[in-house]
Amino acid sequence: MAKCLSSIYAVNHVVKSNNFLSGIIAAPARRALEREKIDSLEKLSGYSEKEIMKLHGFGRNAMEKLKNHMKEHQVSFRNELL
């Protein structure tokens, strides 16, 4: 009788529990925020809209959805310095 391979080899599964903005914006935009270590609306509020739009994976559609979500939670982007 053959043994189950998982009992012979160590199984390494990476399970991400990052549900930040899941269902709000598309995965490429969420991954862009993840790369920048932005995992809360509070951290997001420390960035300007222009800075977020520069991230690879972000577009107008994601930005509009994100701004609407932030508005619902009374959070806004940092103002651009003139």
N, C-alpha and C. Protein backbone atom coordinates (compact mmCIF):
# COMPACT_ATOMS: atom_id res chain seq x y z
N MET A 1 0.84 -1.17 0.00
CA MET A 1 0.00 0.00 0.00
C MET A 1 0.90 1.25 0.00
N ALA A 2 0.64 2.18 -0.89
CA ALA A 2 1.46 3.39 -1.03
C ALA A 2 1.09 4.41 0.03
N LYS A 3 2.11 5.11 0.49
CA LYS A 3 1.88 6.18 1.46
C LYS A 3 1.47 7.45 0.71
N CYS A 4 0.75 8.27 1.37
CA CYS A 4 0.37 9.56 0.80
C CYS A 4 1.62 10.43 0.71
N LEU A 5 1.82 11.11 -0.41
CA LEU A 5 3.01 11.94 -0.60
C LEU A 5 3.12 13.05 0.43
N SER A 6 2.01 13.58 0.87
CA SER A 6 2.09 14.67 1.84
C SER A 6 2.66 14.20 3.17
N SER A 7 2.58 12.90 3.44
CA SER A 7 3.18 12.40 4.68
C SER A 7 4.68 12.21 4.53
N ILE A 8 5.17 12.12 3.30
CA ILE A 8 6.58 11.93 3.03
C ILE A 8 7.28 13.28 2.86
N TYR A 9 6.68 14.19 2.12
CA TYR A 9 7.27 15.48 1.82
C TYR A 9 6.56 16.57 2.62
N ALA A 10 7.32 17.56 3.02
CA ALA A 10 6.72 18.71 3.69
C ALA A 10 5.98 19.52 2.64
N VAL A 11 4.76 19.82 2.91
CA VAL A 11 3.93 20.57 1.97
C VAL A 11 3.92 22.02 2.41
N ASN A 12 4.27 22.89 1.49
CA ASN A 12 4.34 24.31 1.80
C ASN A 12 3.31 25.04 0.95
N HIS A 13 2.20 25.38 1.57
CA HIS A 13 1.16 26.13 0.88
C HIS A 13 1.13 27.54 1.45
N VAL A 14 1.19 28.51 0.57
CA VAL A 14 1.10 29.89 1.00
C VAL A 14 -0.34 30.32 0.84
N VAL A 15 -0.95 30.62 1.95
CA VAL A 15 -2.35 31.05 1.93
C VAL A 15 -2.37 32.51 2.33
N LYS A 16 -2.82 33.33 1.42
CA LYS A 16 -2.91 34.75 1.71
C LYS A 16 -4.28 35.05 2.27
N SER A 17 -4.30 35.71 3.39
CA SER A 17 -5.58 36.05 4.01
C SER A 17 -5.86 37.54 3.84
N ASN A 18 -5.21 38.15 2.87
CA ASN A 18 -5.38 39.57 2.63
C ASN A 18 -6.66 39.80 1.85
N ASN A 19 -7.71 40.15 2.54
CA ASN A 19 -8.99 40.43 1.90
C ASN A 19 -9.22 41.92 1.75
N PHE A 20 -8.17 42.71 1.95
CA PHE A 20 -8.31 44.16 1.85
C PHE A 20 -8.77 44.54 0.45
N LEU A 21 -9.90 45.17 0.37
CA LEU A 21 -10.53 45.65 -0.86
C LEU A 21 -10.97 44.53 -1.81
N SER A 22 -11.03 43.32 -1.33
CA SER A 22 -11.52 42.21 -2.15
C SER A 22 -13.00 42.48 -2.48
N GLY A 23 -13.33 42.37 -3.73
CA GLY A 23 -14.69 42.66 -4.17
C GLY A 23 -14.94 44.13 -4.47
N ILE A 24 -13.96 44.97 -4.16
CA ILE A 24 -14.09 46.41 -4.43
C ILE A 24 -13.33 46.75 -5.70
N ILE A 25 -12.07 46.36 -5.76
CA ILE A 25 -11.25 46.62 -6.95
C ILE A 25 -10.67 45.30 -7.46
N ALA A 26 -10.24 45.30 -8.70
CA ALA A 26 -9.72 44.09 -9.34
C ALA A 26 -8.39 43.66 -8.73
N ALA A 27 -8.06 42.40 -8.94
CA ALA A 27 -6.85 41.80 -8.37
C ALA A 27 -5.55 42.54 -8.74
N PRO A 28 -5.36 42.99 -9.99
CA PRO A 28 -4.10 43.70 -10.29
C PRO A 28 -3.91 44.96 -9.44
N ALA A 29 -4.98 45.67 -9.20
CA ALA A 29 -4.90 46.88 -8.37
C ALA A 29 -4.65 46.51 -6.91
N ARG A 30 -5.28 45.44 -6.42
CA ARG A 30 -5.03 44.99 -5.05
C ARG A 30 -3.59 44.54 -4.87
N ARG A 31 -3.06 43.84 -5.88
CA ARG A 31 -1.66 43.41 -5.80
C ARG A 31 -0.71 44.60 -5.81
N ALA A 32 -1.06 45.64 -6.56
CA ALA A 32 -0.23 46.85 -6.59
C ALA A 32 -0.16 47.47 -5.20
N LEU A 33 -1.29 47.52 -4.50
CA LEU A 33 -1.30 48.05 -3.14
C LEU A 33 -0.52 47.13 -2.20
N GLU A 34 -0.67 45.84 -2.40
CA GLU A 34 0.05 44.87 -1.57
C GLU A 34 1.56 45.03 -1.71
N ARG A 35 2.03 45.26 -2.93
CA ARG A 35 3.47 45.45 -3.15
C ARG A 35 4.00 46.67 -2.39
N GLU A 36 3.14 47.66 -2.21
CA GLU A 36 3.52 48.87 -1.48
C GLU A 36 3.22 48.76 0.01
N LYS A 37 2.80 47.59 0.45
CA LYS A 37 2.48 47.33 1.87
C LYS A 37 1.32 48.18 2.36
N ILE A 38 0.37 48.46 1.46
CA ILE A 38 -0.83 49.22 1.82
C ILE A 38 -1.93 48.19 2.06
N ASP A 39 -2.30 48.02 3.33
CA ASP A 39 -3.29 47.00 3.66
C ASP A 39 -4.44 47.53 4.51
N SER A 40 -4.60 48.85 4.51
CA SER A 40 -5.72 49.46 5.23
C SER A 40 -6.05 50.81 4.60
N LEU A 41 -7.26 51.27 4.86
CA LEU A 41 -7.66 52.58 4.34
C LEU A 41 -6.84 53.69 5.01
N GLU A 42 -6.44 53.46 6.25
CA GLU A 42 -5.64 54.46 6.95
C GLU A 42 -4.28 54.63 6.26
N LYS A 43 -3.65 53.53 5.88
CA LYS A 43 -2.37 53.62 5.17
C LYS A 43 -2.58 54.26 3.80
N LEU A 44 -3.67 53.91 3.15
CA LEU A 44 -3.98 54.45 1.83
C LEU A 44 -4.15 55.97 1.89
N SER A 45 -4.70 56.47 2.99
CA SER A 45 -4.93 57.91 3.12
C SER A 45 -3.62 58.70 3.22
N GLY A 46 -2.51 58.02 3.43
CA GLY A 46 -1.21 58.68 3.47
C GLY A 46 -0.62 58.93 2.09
N TYR A 47 -1.30 58.47 1.06
CA TYR A 47 -0.83 58.62 -0.32
C TYR A 47 -1.76 59.58 -1.06
N SER A 48 -1.22 60.20 -2.09
CA SER A 48 -2.06 61.05 -2.95
C SER A 48 -2.65 60.18 -4.06
N GLU A 49 -3.71 60.65 -4.64
CA GLU A 49 -4.35 59.94 -5.75
C GLU A 49 -3.36 59.75 -6.90
N LYS A 50 -2.55 60.76 -7.15
CA LYS A 50 -1.56 60.72 -8.23
C LYS A 50 -0.53 59.61 -7.98
N GLU A 51 -0.09 59.46 -6.73
CA GLU A 51 0.89 58.43 -6.39
C GLU A 51 0.31 57.03 -6.62
N ILE A 52 -0.93 56.83 -6.25
CA ILE A 52 -1.57 55.52 -6.42
C ILE A 52 -1.77 55.22 -7.90
N MET A 53 -2.12 56.22 -8.67
CA MET A 53 -2.34 56.02 -10.11
C MET A 53 -1.05 55.63 -10.83
N LYS A 54 0.09 55.93 -10.26
CA LYS A 54 1.37 55.57 -10.88
C LYS A 54 1.70 54.09 -10.70
N LEU A 55 1.01 53.42 -9.79
CA LEU A 55 1.29 52.01 -9.53
C LEU A 55 0.86 51.14 -10.69
N HIS A 56 1.71 50.20 -11.05
CA HIS A 56 1.39 49.25 -12.12
C HIS A 56 0.21 48.40 -11.67
N GLY A 57 -0.86 48.40 -12.46
CA GLY A 57 -2.05 47.64 -12.13
C GLY A 57 -3.23 48.53 -11.79
N PHE A 58 -2.97 49.83 -11.64
CA PHE A 58 -4.05 50.77 -11.32
C PHE A 58 -4.47 51.53 -12.56
N GLY A 59 -5.76 51.69 -12.71
CA GLY A 59 -6.32 52.46 -13.82
C GLY A 59 -7.47 53.32 -13.32
N ARG A 60 -8.10 53.99 -14.25
CA ARG A 60 -9.21 54.89 -13.89
C ARG A 60 -10.36 54.16 -13.22
N ASN A 61 -10.68 52.98 -13.73
CA ASN A 61 -11.80 52.22 -13.18
C ASN A 61 -11.53 51.83 -11.72
N ALA A 62 -10.35 51.31 -11.46
CA ALA A 62 -9.99 50.93 -10.09
C ALA A 62 -9.98 52.15 -9.18
N MET A 63 -9.48 53.28 -9.70
CA MET A 63 -9.42 54.49 -8.89
C MET A 63 -10.81 54.99 -8.53
N GLU A 64 -11.72 54.97 -9.49
CA GLU A 64 -13.09 55.41 -9.21
C GLU A 64 -13.75 54.55 -8.15
N LYS A 65 -13.58 53.24 -8.28
CA LYS A 65 -14.16 52.32 -7.29
C LYS A 65 -13.52 52.53 -5.92
N LEU A 66 -12.22 52.75 -5.91
CA LEU A 66 -11.51 52.97 -4.67
C LEU A 66 -11.95 54.27 -4.00
N LYS A 67 -12.08 55.33 -4.78
CA LYS A 67 -12.51 56.61 -4.22
C LYS A 67 -13.91 56.52 -3.65
N ASN A 68 -14.81 55.80 -4.32
CA ASN A 68 -16.17 55.62 -3.81
C ASN A 68 -16.15 54.85 -2.49
N HIS A 69 -15.34 53.81 -2.43
CA HIS A 69 -15.23 53.01 -1.20
C HIS A 69 -14.67 53.86 -0.06
N MET A 70 -13.66 54.65 -0.36
CA MET A 70 -13.06 55.51 0.66
C MET A 70 -14.06 56.55 1.15
N LYS A 71 -14.83 57.10 0.23
CA LYS A 71 -15.83 58.10 0.60
C LYS A 71 -16.88 57.51 1.53
N GLU A 72 -17.29 56.27 1.27
CA GLU A 72 -18.26 55.59 2.14
C GLU A 72 -17.72 55.43 3.55
N HIS A 73 -16.41 55.34 3.69
CA HIS A 73 -15.78 55.14 5.00
C HIS A 73 -15.14 56.43 5.54
N GLN A 74 -15.53 57.57 4.97
CA GLN A 74 -15.04 58.89 5.39
C GLN A 74 -13.52 58.98 5.42
N VAL A 75 -12.88 58.44 4.40
CA VAL A 75 -11.42 58.47 4.26
C VAL A 75 -11.12 59.13 2.92
N SER A 76 -10.03 59.89 2.85
CA SER A 76 -9.67 60.51 1.58
C SER A 76 -8.16 60.42 1.36
N PHE A 77 -7.77 60.64 0.13
CA PHE A 77 -6.35 60.68 -0.20
C PHE A 77 -5.71 61.92 0.37
N ARG A 78 -4.39 61.83 0.56
CA ARG A 78 -3.62 63.00 0.99
C ARG A 78 -3.66 64.03 -0.14
N ASN A 79 -3.72 65.28 0.21
CA ASN A 79 -3.73 66.35 -0.78
C ASN A 79 -2.36 66.48 -1.40
N GLU A 80 -2.34 66.80 -2.69
CA GLU A 80 -1.08 67.05 -3.40
C GLU A 80 -0.47 68.34 -2.87
N LEU A 81 0.82 68.31 -2.69
CA LEU A 81 1.53 69.53 -2.29
C LEU A 81 1.80 70.36 -3.54
N LEU A 82 1.52 71.63 -3.46
CA LEU A 82 1.71 72.48 -4.64
C LEU A 82 3.10 73.02 -4.72
